[in-house]
Amino acid sequence: MRDLLNELIEGKITNEQAEDICSEELADTTATVPVHEALGMSNPEWTALAHGAEFQDIANWRAHGWPKQCFICGHSINVEQFGWLAREHDGRMQLRHVVCP
């Protein structure tokens, strides 16, 4: 297993290389662990990727902290509890509630 996001944070790979590595893992029909675990990603990180966030966005959140507020309603978001979507807003990837409170 590897830690793809840390490799990005440390500048060992590019976002494009991370995408290629992920594609290779997804294509591996002999894998014995889920892809996100093989890449060293948490469930929230894998979810953000599925929502359209780039590896670099997620690596930045890991290194500097995840968005803590919904860009629509301004209420707090706890990424571990889910109920959020990663979406582009004001030219960058941010989080919003699935349904704002």
PDB file of N, CA and C in Angstrom:
ATOM      1  N   MET A   1       0.847  -1.182   0.000  1.00  0.00           N
ATOM      2  CA  MET A   1       0.000   0.000   0.000  1.00  0.00           C
ATOM      3  C   MET A   1       0.892   1.245   0.000  1.00  0.00           C
ATOM      4  N   ARG A   2       0.298   2.326  -0.452  1.00  0.00           N
ATOM      5  CA  ARG A   2       1.032   3.579  -0.523  1.00  0.00           C
ATOM      6  C   ARG A   2       0.194   4.686   0.073  1.00  0.00           C
ATOM      7  N   ASP A   3       0.764   5.867   0.179  1.00  0.00           N
ATOM      8  CA  ASP A   3       0.015   7.031   0.652  1.00  0.00           C
ATOM      9  C   ASP A   3       0.087   8.082  -0.449  1.00  0.00           C
ATOM     10  N   LEU A   4      -0.831   7.951  -1.370  1.00  0.00           N
ATOM     11  CA  LEU A   4      -0.841   8.778  -2.573  1.00  0.00           C
ATOM     12  C   LEU A   4      -0.886  10.268  -2.254  1.00  0.00           C
ATOM     13  N   LEU A   5      -1.722  10.664  -1.303  1.00  0.00           N
ATOM     14  CA  LEU A   5      -1.860  12.091  -0.988  1.00  0.00           C
ATOM     15  C   LEU A   5      -0.584  12.650  -0.370  1.00  0.00           C
ATOM     16  N   ASN A   6       0.070  11.877   0.490  1.00  0.00           N
ATOM     17  CA  ASN A   6       1.344  12.359   1.048  1.00  0.00           C
ATOM     18  C   ASN A   6       2.403  12.479  -0.038  1.00  0.00           C
ATOM     19  N   GLU A   7       2.382  11.576  -1.000  1.00  0.00           N
ATOM     20  CA  GLU A   7       3.313  11.683  -2.117  1.00  0.00           C
ATOM     21  C   GLU A   7       3.082  12.994  -2.875  1.00  0.00           C
ATOM     22  N   LEU A   8       1.823  13.384  -3.024  1.00  0.00           N
ATOM     23  CA  LEU A   8       1.494  14.666  -3.656  1.00  0.00           C
ATOM     24  C   LEU A   8       1.967  15.834  -2.796  1.00  0.00           C
ATOM     25  N   ILE A   9       1.660  15.758  -1.505  1.00  0.00           N
ATOM     26  CA  ILE A   9       2.048  16.828  -0.574  1.00  0.00           C
ATOM     27  C   ILE A   9       3.556  17.038  -0.600  1.00  0.00           C
ATOM     28  N   GLU A  10       4.297  15.944  -0.647  1.00  0.00           N
ATOM     29  CA  GLU A  10       5.761  16.019  -0.635  1.00  0.00           C
ATOM     30  C   GLU A  10       6.360  16.313  -2.006  1.00  0.00           C
ATOM     31  N   GLY A  11       5.515  16.426  -3.034  1.00  0.00           N
ATOM     32  CA  GLY A  11       6.003  16.747  -4.372  1.00  0.00           C
ATOM     33  C   GLY A  11       6.656  15.585  -5.097  1.00  0.00           C
ATOM     34  N   LYS A  12       6.415  14.363  -4.631  1.00  0.00           N
ATOM     35  CA  LYS A  12       7.018  13.188  -5.257  1.00  0.00           C
ATOM     36  C   LYS A  12       6.300  12.789  -6.538  1.00  0.00           C
ATOM     37  N   ILE A  13       5.000  13.153  -6.628  1.00  0.00           N
ATOM     38  CA  ILE A  13       4.220  12.864  -7.830  1.00  0.00           C
ATOM     39  C   ILE A  13       3.359  14.087  -8.152  1.00  0.00           C
ATOM     40  N   THR A  14       2.857  14.121  -9.378  1.00  0.00           N
ATOM     41  CA  THR A  14       1.953  15.189  -9.803  1.00  0.00           C
ATOM     42  C   THR A  14       0.510  14.702  -9.692  1.00  0.00           C
ATOM     43  N   ASN A  15      -0.426  15.617  -9.829  1.00  0.00           N
ATOM     44  CA  ASN A  15      -1.842  15.247  -9.834  1.00  0.00           C
ATOM     45  C   ASN A  15      -2.130  14.259 -10.954  1.00  0.00           C
ATOM     46  N   GLU A  16      -1.526  14.463 -12.110  1.00  0.00           N
ATOM     47  CA  GLU A  16      -1.734  13.575 -13.246  1.00  0.00           C
ATOM     48  C   GLU A  16      -1.203  12.180 -12.952  1.00  0.00           C
ATOM     49  N   GLN A  17      -0.042  12.101 -12.298  1.00  0.00           N
ATOM     50  CA  GLN A  17       0.498  10.796 -11.931  1.00  0.00           C
ATOM     51  C   GLN A  17      -0.407  10.105 -10.911  1.00  0.00           C
ATOM     52  N   ALA A  18      -0.967  10.880  -9.988  1.00  0.00           N
ATOM     53  CA  ALA A  18      -1.892  10.313  -9.006  1.00  0.00           C
ATOM     54  C   ALA A  18      -3.108   9.718  -9.713  1.00  0.00           C
ATOM     55  N   GLU A  19      -3.622  10.418 -10.722  1.00  0.00           N
ATOM     56  CA  GLU A  19      -4.757   9.904 -11.490  1.00  0.00           C
ATOM     57  C   GLU A  19      -4.398   8.599 -12.192  1.00  0.00           C
ATOM     58  N   ASP A  20      -3.200   8.542 -12.770  1.00  0.00           N
ATOM     59  CA  ASP A  20      -2.755   7.319 -13.450  1.00  0.00           C
ATOM     60  C   ASP A  20      -2.622   6.158 -12.469  1.00  0.00           C
ATOM     61  N   ILE A  21      -2.058   6.427 -11.309  1.00  0.00           N
ATOM     62  CA  ILE A  21      -1.894   5.389 -10.283  1.00  0.00           C
ATOM     63  C   ILE A  21      -3.262   4.879  -9.837  1.00  0.00           C
ATOM     64  N   CYS A  22      -4.192   5.788  -9.639  1.00  0.00           N
ATOM     65  CA  CYS A  22      -5.545   5.407  -9.243  1.00  0.00           C
ATOM     66  C   CYS A  22      -6.199   4.553 -10.331  1.00  0.00           C
ATOM     67  N   SER A  23      -6.051   4.945 -11.568  1.00  0.00           N
ATOM     68  CA  SER A  23      -6.620   4.173 -12.676  1.00  0.00           C
ATOM     69  C   SER A  23      -6.052   2.756 -12.707  1.00  0.00           C
ATOM     70  N   GLU A  24      -4.754   2.635 -12.455  1.00  0.00           N
ATOM     71  CA  GLU A  24      -4.122   1.316 -12.420  1.00  0.00           C
ATOM     72  C   GLU A  24      -4.711   0.468 -11.294  1.00  0.00           C
ATOM     73  N   GLU A  25      -4.903   1.067 -10.127  1.00  0.00           N
ATOM     74  CA  GLU A  25      -5.493   0.339  -8.995  1.00  0.00           C
ATOM     75  C   GLU A  25      -6.920  -0.083  -9.308  1.00  0.00           C
ATOM     76  N   LEU A  26      -7.689   0.804  -9.927  1.00  0.00           N
ATOM     77  CA  LEU A  26      -9.071   0.475 -10.273  1.00  0.00           C
ATOM     78  C   LEU A  26      -9.140  -0.679 -11.278  1.00  0.00           C
ATOM     79  N   ALA A  27      -8.149  -0.774 -12.143  1.00  0.00           N
ATOM     80  CA  ALA A  27      -8.127  -1.808 -13.172  1.00  0.00           C
ATOM     81  C   ALA A  27      -7.602  -3.153 -12.660  1.00  0.00           C
ATOM     82  N   ASP A  28      -7.003  -3.148 -11.474  1.00  0.00           N
ATOM     83  CA  ASP A  28      -6.416  -4.370 -10.923  1.00  0.00           C
ATOM     84  C   ASP A  28      -7.510  -5.300 -10.406  1.00  0.00           C
ATOM     85  N   THR A  29      -7.765  -6.349 -11.160  1.00  0.00           N
ATOM     86  CA  THR A  29      -8.829  -7.282 -10.782  1.00  0.00           C
ATOM     87  C   THR A  29      -8.372  -8.285  -9.719  1.00  0.00           C
ATOM     88  N   THR A  30      -7.100  -8.263  -9.358  1.00  0.00           N
ATOM     89  CA  THR A  30      -6.594  -9.182  -8.344  1.00  0.00           C
ATOM     90  C   THR A  30      -6.438  -8.504  -6.979  1.00  0.00           C
ATOM     91  N   ALA A  31      -6.845  -7.256  -6.876  1.00  0.00           N
ATOM     92  CA  ALA A  31      -6.679  -6.507  -5.627  1.00  0.00           C
ATOM     93  C   ALA A  31      -7.423  -7.194  -4.479  1.00  0.00           C
ATOM     94  N   THR A  32      -6.800  -7.171  -3.310  1.00  0.00           N
ATOM     95  CA  THR A  32      -7.399  -7.814  -2.136  1.00  0.00           C
ATOM     96  C   THR A  32      -7.925  -6.798  -1.125  1.00  0.00           C
ATOM     97  N   VAL A  33      -7.675  -5.518  -1.366  1.00  0.00           N
ATOM     98  CA  VAL A  33      -8.185  -4.460  -0.485  1.00  0.00           C
ATOM     99  C   VAL A  33      -8.912  -3.432  -1.343  1.00  0.00           C
ATOM    100  N   PRO A  34      -9.841  -2.685  -0.745  1.00  0.00           N
ATOM    101  CA  PRO A  34     -10.505  -1.629  -1.504  1.00  0.00           C
ATOM    102  C   PRO A  34      -9.491  -0.619  -2.049  1.00  0.00           C
ATOM    103  N   VAL A  35      -9.814  -0.028  -3.180  1.00  0.00           N
ATOM    104  CA  VAL A  35      -8.888   0.889  -3.855  1.00  0.00           C
ATOM    105  C   VAL A  35      -8.469   2.035  -2.942  1.00  0.00           C
ATOM    106  N   HIS A  36      -9.424   2.647  -2.231  1.00  0.00           N
ATOM    107  CA  HIS A  36      -9.044   3.789  -1.395  1.00  0.00           C
ATOM    108  C   HIS A  36      -8.044   3.386  -0.315  1.00  0.00           C
ATOM    109  N   GLU A  37      -8.154   2.163   0.198  1.00  0.00           N
ATOM    110  CA  GLU A  37      -7.183   1.694   1.195  1.00  0.00           C
ATOM    111  C   GLU A  37      -5.824   1.450   0.554  1.00  0.00           C
ATOM    112  N   ALA A  38      -5.819   0.891  -0.652  1.00  0.00           N
ATOM    113  CA  ALA A  38      -4.558   0.648  -1.362  1.00  0.00           C
ATOM    114  C   ALA A  38      -3.823   1.959  -1.645  1.00  0.00           C
ATOM    115  N   LEU A  39      -4.590   3.040  -1.796  1.00  0.00           N
ATOM    116  CA  LEU A  39      -4.001   4.353  -2.077  1.00  0.00           C
ATOM    117  C   LEU A  39      -3.732   5.152  -0.796  1.00  0.00           C
ATOM    118  N   GLY A  40      -4.123   4.608   0.351  1.00  0.00           N
ATOM    119  CA  GLY A  40      -3.899   5.295   1.622  1.00  0.00           C
ATOM    120  C   GLY A  40      -4.874   6.427   1.879  1.00  0.00           C
ATOM    121  N   MET A  41      -6.068   6.338   1.310  1.00  0.00           N
ATOM    122  CA  MET A  41      -7.058   7.401   1.440  1.00  0.00           C
ATOM    123  C   MET A  41      -8.164   7.008   2.416  1.00  0.00           C
ATOM    124  N   SER A  42      -8.640   7.977   3.177  1.00  0.00           N
ATOM    125  CA  SER A  42      -9.748   7.761   4.104  1.00  0.00           C
ATOM    126  C   SER A  42     -11.068   7.740   3.337  1.00  0.00           C
ATOM    127  N   ASN A  43     -12.135   7.325   4.008  1.00  0.00           N
ATOM    128  CA  ASN A  43     -13.454   7.347   3.374  1.00  0.00           C
ATOM    129  C   ASN A  43     -13.861   8.755   2.941  1.00  0.00           C
ATOM    130  N   PRO A  44     -13.692   9.795   3.792  1.00  0.00           N
ATOM    131  CA  PRO A  44     -14.030  11.146   3.320  1.00  0.00           C
ATOM    132  C   PRO A  44     -13.178  11.593   2.122  1.00  0.00           C
ATOM    133  N   GLU A  45     -11.899  11.239   2.105  1.00  0.00           N
ATOM    134  CA  GLU A  45     -11.035  11.611   0.978  1.00  0.00           C
ATOM    135  C   GLU A  45     -11.505  10.931  -0.302  1.00  0.00           C
ATOM    136  N   TRP A  46     -11.836   9.657  -0.212  1.00  0.00           N
ATOM    137  CA  TRP A  46     -12.308   8.904  -1.374  1.00  0.00           C
ATOM    138  C   TRP A  46     -13.652   9.452  -1.855  1.00  0.00           C
ATOM    139  N   THR A  47     -14.501   9.836  -0.908  1.00  0.00           N
ATOM    140  CA  THR A  47     -15.805  10.416  -1.249  1.00  0.00           C
ATOM    141  C   THR A  47     -15.619  11.737  -1.989  1.00  0.00           C
ATOM    142  N   ALA A  48     -14.718  12.583  -1.504  1.00  0.00           N
ATOM    143  CA  ALA A  48     -14.462  13.863  -2.167  1.00  0.00           C
ATOM    144  C   ALA A  48     -13.970  13.643  -3.595  1.00  0.00           C
ATOM    145  N   LEU A  49     -13.124  12.640  -3.782  1.00  0.00           N
ATOM    146  CA  LEU A  49     -12.650  12.306  -5.128  1.00  0.00           C
ATOM    147  C   LEU A  49     -13.831  11.894  -6.004  1.00  0.00           C
ATOM    148  N   ALA A  50     -14.722  11.089  -5.470  1.00  0.00           N
ATOM    149  CA  ALA A  50     -15.898  10.648  -6.226  1.00  0.00           C
ATOM    150  C   ALA A  50     -16.813  11.820  -6.576  1.00  0.00           C
ATOM    151  N   HIS A  51     -16.780  12.870  -5.772  1.00  0.00           N
ATOM    152  CA  HIS A  51     -17.602  14.057  -6.028  1.00  0.00           C
ATOM    153  C   HIS A  51     -16.962  14.998  -7.039  1.00  0.00           C
ATOM    154  N   GLY A  52     -15.747  14.697  -7.468  1.00  0.00           N
ATOM    155  CA  GLY A  52     -15.114  15.517  -8.491  1.00  0.00           C
ATOM    156  C   GLY A  52     -13.921  16.329  -8.030  1.00  0.00           C
ATOM    157  N   ALA A  53     -13.563  16.224  -6.753  1.00  0.00           N
ATOM    158  CA  ALA A  53     -12.363  16.929  -6.290  1.00  0.00           C
ATOM    159  C   ALA A  53     -11.132  16.274  -6.915  1.00  0.00           C
ATOM    160  N   GLU A  54     -10.135  17.065  -7.213  1.00  0.00           N
ATOM    161  CA  GLU A  54      -8.873  16.558  -7.735  1.00  0.00           C
ATOM    162  C   GLU A  54      -8.042  16.012  -6.578  1.00  0.00           C
ATOM    163  N   PHE A  55      -7.119  15.120  -6.887  1.00  0.00           N
ATOM    164  CA  PHE A  55      -6.210  14.616  -5.853  1.00  0.00           C
ATOM    165  C   PHE A  55      -5.499  15.774  -5.162  1.00  0.00           C
ATOM    166  N   GLN A  56      -5.094  16.778  -5.931  1.00  0.00           N
ATOM    167  CA  GLN A  56      -4.373  17.911  -5.352  1.00  0.00           C
ATOM    168  C   GLN A  56      -5.248  18.680  -4.354  1.00  0.00           C
ATOM    169  N   ASP A  57      -6.534  18.840  -4.655  1.00  0.00           N
ATOM    170  CA  ASP A  57      -7.456  19.494  -3.722  1.00  0.00           C
ATOM    171  C   ASP A  57      -7.495  18.739  -2.392  1.00  0.00           C
ATOM    172  N   ILE A  58      -7.648  17.431  -2.489  1.00  0.00           N
ATOM    173  CA  ILE A  58      -7.782  16.598  -1.300  1.00  0.00           C
ATOM    174  C   ILE A  58      -6.471  16.578  -0.517  1.00  0.00           C
ATOM    175  N   ALA A  59      -5.356  16.523  -1.220  1.00  0.00           N
ATOM    176  CA  ALA A  59      -4.050  16.569  -0.554  1.00  0.00           C
ATOM    177  C   ALA A  59      -3.892  17.891   0.197  1.00  0.00           C
ATOM    178  N   ASN A  60      -4.342  18.978  -0.410  1.00  0.00           N
ATOM    179  CA  ASN A  60      -4.286  20.285   0.241  1.00  0.00           C
ATOM    180  C   ASN A  60      -5.141  20.296   1.511  1.00  0.00           C
ATOM    181  N   TRP A  61      -6.332  19.695   1.439  1.00  0.00           N
ATOM    182  CA  TRP A  61      -7.199  19.626   2.627  1.00  0.00           C
ATOM    183  C   TRP A  61      -6.542  18.794   3.720  1.00  0.00           C
ATOM    184  N   ARG A  62      -5.903  17.687   3.315  1.00  0.00           N
ATOM    185  CA  ARG A  62      -5.232  16.856   4.322  1.00  0.00           C
ATOM    186  C   ARG A  62      -4.120  17.645   5.006  1.00  0.00           C
ATOM    187  N   ALA A  63      -3.370  18.375   4.228  1.00  0.00           N
ATOM    188  CA  ALA A  63      -2.221  19.114   4.768  1.00  0.00           C
ATOM    189  C   ALA A  63      -2.618  20.355   5.558  1.00  0.00           C
ATOM    190  N   HIS A  64      -3.699  21.027   5.132  1.00  0.00           N
ATOM    191  CA  HIS A  64      -4.025  22.336   5.715  1.00  0.00           C
ATOM    192  C   HIS A  64      -5.395  22.415   6.374  1.00  0.00           C
ATOM    193  N   GLY A  65      -6.129  21.320   6.380  1.00  0.00           N
ATOM    194  CA  GLY A  65      -7.449  21.298   7.003  1.00  0.00           C
ATOM    195  C   GLY A  65      -8.568  21.357   5.977  1.00  0.00           C
ATOM    196  N   TRP A  66      -9.590  20.582   6.265  1.00  0.00           N
ATOM    197  CA  TRP A  66     -10.751  20.519   5.391  1.00  0.00           C
ATOM    198  C   TRP A  66     -11.610  21.761   5.576  1.00  0.00           C
ATOM    199  N   PRO A  67     -12.375  22.127   4.542  1.00  0.00           N
ATOM    200  CA  PRO A  67     -13.345  23.208   4.724  1.00  0.00           C
ATOM    201  C   PRO A  67     -14.283  22.840   5.873  1.00  0.00           C
ATOM    202  N   LYS A  68     -14.606  23.809   6.693  1.00  0.00           N
ATOM    203  CA  LYS A  68     -15.420  23.543   7.876  1.00  0.00           C
ATOM    204  C   LYS A  68     -16.822  24.130   7.780  1.00  0.00           C
ATOM    205  N   GLN A  69     -17.078  24.902   6.714  1.00  0.00           N
ATOM    206  CA  GLN A  69     -18.390  25.539   6.573  1.00  0.00           C
ATOM    207  C   GLN A  69     -18.954  25.304   5.186  1.00  0.00           C
ATOM    208  N   CYS A  70     -20.264  25.180   5.133  1.00  0.00           N
ATOM    209  CA  CYS A  70     -20.984  25.052   3.874  1.00  0.00           C
ATOM    210  C   CYS A  70     -20.919  26.381   3.121  1.00  0.00           C
ATOM    211  N   PHE A  71     -20.568  26.333   1.851  1.00  0.00           N
ATOM    212  CA  PHE A  71     -20.488  27.579   1.087  1.00  0.00           C
ATOM    213  C   PHE A  71     -21.862  28.136   0.732  1.00  0.00           C
ATOM    214  N   ILE A  72     -22.920  27.389   0.981  1.00  0.00           N
ATOM    215  CA  ILE A  72     -24.269  27.882   0.716  1.00  0.00           C
ATOM    216  C   ILE A  72     -24.881  28.527   1.954  1.00  0.00           C
ATOM    217  N   CYS A  73     -24.959  27.766   3.061  1.00  0.00           N
ATOM    218  CA  CYS A  73     -25.664  28.263   4.251  1.00  0.00           C
ATOM    219  C   CYS A  73     -24.736  28.800   5.334  1.00  0.00           C
ATOM    220  N   GLY A  74     -23.446  28.468   5.266  1.00  0.00           N
ATOM    221  CA  GLY A  74     -22.491  28.947   6.261  1.00  0.00           C
ATOM    222  C   GLY A  74     -22.429  28.128   7.538  1.00  0.00           C
ATOM    223  N   HIS A  75     -23.299  27.139   7.687  1.00  0.00           N
ATOM    224  CA  HIS A  75     -23.259  26.287   8.877  1.00  0.00           C
ATOM    225  C   HIS A  75     -22.079  25.318   8.789  1.00  0.00           C
ATOM    226  N   SER A  76     -21.704  24.782   9.939  1.00  0.00           N
ATOM    227  CA  SER A  76     -20.531  23.916   9.991  1.00  0.00           C
ATOM    228  C   SER A  76     -20.781  22.576   9.305  1.00  0.00           C
ATOM    229  N   ILE A  77     -19.680  22.000   8.851  1.00  0.00           N
ATOM    230  CA  ILE A  77     -19.671  20.678   8.229  1.00  0.00           C
ATOM    231  C   ILE A  77     -18.633  19.838   8.951  1.00  0.00           C
ATOM    232  N   ASN A  78     -19.020  18.627   9.322  1.00  0.00           N
ATOM    233  CA  ASN A  78     -18.096  17.662   9.900  1.00  0.00           C
ATOM    234  C   ASN A  78     -17.889  16.581   8.848  1.00  0.00           C
ATOM    235  N   VAL A  79     -16.722  16.562   8.234  1.00  0.00           N
ATOM    236  CA  VAL A  79     -16.495  15.647   7.110  1.00  0.00           C
ATOM    237  C   VAL A  79     -16.621  14.188   7.519  1.00  0.00           C
ATOM    238  N   GLU A  80     -16.319  13.871   8.759  1.00  0.00           N
ATOM    239  CA  GLU A  80     -16.411  12.484   9.221  1.00  0.00           C
ATOM    240  C   GLU A  80     -17.859  12.016   9.315  1.00  0.00           C
ATOM    241  N   GLN A  81     -18.798  12.930   9.438  1.00  0.00           N
ATOM    242  CA  GLN A  81     -20.213  12.562   9.550  1.00  0.00           C
ATOM    243  C   GLN A  81     -20.919  12.580   8.194  1.00  0.00           C
ATOM    244  N   PHE A  82     -20.213  12.940   7.152  1.00  0.00           N
ATOM    245  CA  PHE A  82     -20.739  13.002   5.791  1.00  0.00           C
ATOM    246  C   PHE A  82     -21.925  13.953   5.714  1.00  0.00           C
ATOM    247  N   GLY A  83     -22.842  13.773   4.764  1.00  0.00           N
ATOM    248  CA  GLY A  83     -23.914  14.730   4.560  1.00  0.00           C
ATOM    249  C   GLY A  83     -23.456  15.960   3.787  1.00  0.00           C
ATOM    250  N   TRP A  84     -22.351  15.837   3.059  1.00  0.00           N
ATOM    251  CA  TRP A  84     -21.783  16.955   2.316  1.00  0.00           C
ATOM    252  C   TRP A  84     -21.446  16.506   0.890  1.00  0.00           C
ATOM    253  N   LEU A  85     -21.254  17.501   0.052  1.00  0.00           N
ATOM    254  CA  LEU A  85     -20.810  17.297  -1.327  1.00  0.00           C
ATOM    255  C   LEU A  85     -19.616  18.207  -1.580  1.00  0.00           C
ATOM    256  N   ALA A  86     -18.644  17.729  -2.309  1.00  0.00           N
ATOM    257  CA  ALA A  86     -17.541  18.571  -2.764  1.00  0.00           C
ATOM    258  C   ALA A  86     -17.942  19.164  -4.104  1.00  0.00           C
ATOM    259  N   ARG A  87     -17.912  20.480  -4.175  1.00  0.00           N
ATOM    260  CA  ARG A  87     -18.312  21.175  -5.403  1.00  0.00           C
ATOM    261  C   ARG A  87     -17.415  22.383  -5.629  1.00  0.00           C
ATOM    262  N   GLU A  88     -17.238  22.763  -6.892  1.00  0.00           N
ATOM    263  CA  GLU A  88     -16.478  23.973  -7.195  1.00  0.00           C
ATOM    264  C   GLU A  88     -17.342  25.190  -6.908  1.00  0.00           C
ATOM    265  N   HIS A  89     -16.754  26.158  -6.224  1.00  0.00           N
ATOM    266  CA  HIS A  89     -17.439  27.404  -5.886  1.00  0.00           C
ATOM    267  C   HIS A  89     -16.389  28.500  -5.791  1.00  0.00           C
ATOM    268  N   ASP A  90     -16.643  29.626  -6.429  1.00  0.00           N
ATOM    269  CA  ASP A  90     -15.690  30.741  -6.457  1.00  0.00           C
ATOM    270  C   ASP A  90     -14.307  30.305  -6.944  1.00  0.00           C
ATOM    271  N   GLY A  91     -14.286  29.415  -7.937  1.00  0.00           N
ATOM    272  CA  GLY A  91     -13.040  29.011  -8.565  1.00  0.00           C
ATOM    273  C   GLY A  91     -12.212  27.997  -7.810  1.00  0.00           C
ATOM    274  N   ARG A  92     -12.754  27.425  -6.731  1.00  0.00           N
ATOM    275  CA  ARG A  92     -12.013  26.398  -6.006  1.00  0.00           C
ATOM    276  C   ARG A  92     -12.981  25.372  -5.432  1.00  0.00           C
ATOM    277  N   MET A  93     -12.454  24.208  -5.117  1.00  0.00           N
ATOM    278  CA  MET A  93     -13.263  23.137  -4.571  1.00  0.00           C
ATOM    279  C   MET A  93     -13.582  23.442  -3.115  1.00  0.00           C
ATOM    280  N   GLN A  94     -14.855  23.336  -2.781  1.00  0.00           N
ATOM    281  CA  GLN A  94     -15.333  23.592  -1.418  1.00  0.00           C
ATOM    282  C   GLN A  94     -16.383  22.544  -1.074  1.00  0.00           C
ATOM    283  N   LEU A  95     -16.916  22.625   0.136  1.00  0.00           N
ATOM    284  CA  LEU A  95     -17.943  21.693   0.567  1.00  0.00           C
ATOM    285  C   LEU A  95     -19.272  22.408   0.801  1.00  0.00           C
ATOM    286  N   ARG A  96     -20.349  21.675   0.555  1.00  0.00           N
ATOM    287  CA  ARG A  96     -21.688  22.160   0.840  1.00  0.00           C
ATOM    288  C   ARG A  96     -22.475  20.993   1.403  1.00  0.00           C
ATOM    289  N   HIS A  97     -23.519  21.311   2.139  1.00  0.00           N
ATOM    290  CA  HIS A  97     -24.398  20.258   2.654  1.00  0.00           C
ATOM    291  C   HIS A  97     -25.173  19.631   1.499  1.00  0.00           C
ATOM    292  N   VAL A  98     -25.528  18.363   1.654  1.00  0.00           N
ATOM    293  CA  VAL A  98     -26.433  17.724   0.702  1.00  0.00           C
ATOM    294  C   VAL A  98     -27.776  18.454   0.801  1.00  0.00           C
ATOM    295  N   VAL A  99     -28.232  18.672   2.032  1.00  0.00           N
ATOM    296  CA  VAL A  99     -29.429  19.455   2.305  1.00  0.00           C
ATOM    297  C   VAL A  99     -29.060  20.421   3.420  1.00  0.00           C
ATOM    298  N   CYS A 100     -29.107  21.712   3.142  1.00  0.00           N
ATOM    299  CA  CYS A 100     -28.726  22.691   4.160  1.00  0.00           C
ATOM    300  C   CYS A 100     -29.739  22.682   5.308  1.00  0.00           C
ATOM    301  N   PRO A 101     -29.201  22.810   6.550  1.00  0.00           N
ATOM    302  CA  PRO A 101     -30.101  22.806   7.725  1.00  0.00           C
ATOM    303  C   PRO A 101     -31.002  24.048   7.754  1.00  0.00           C
TER     304      PRO A 101
END
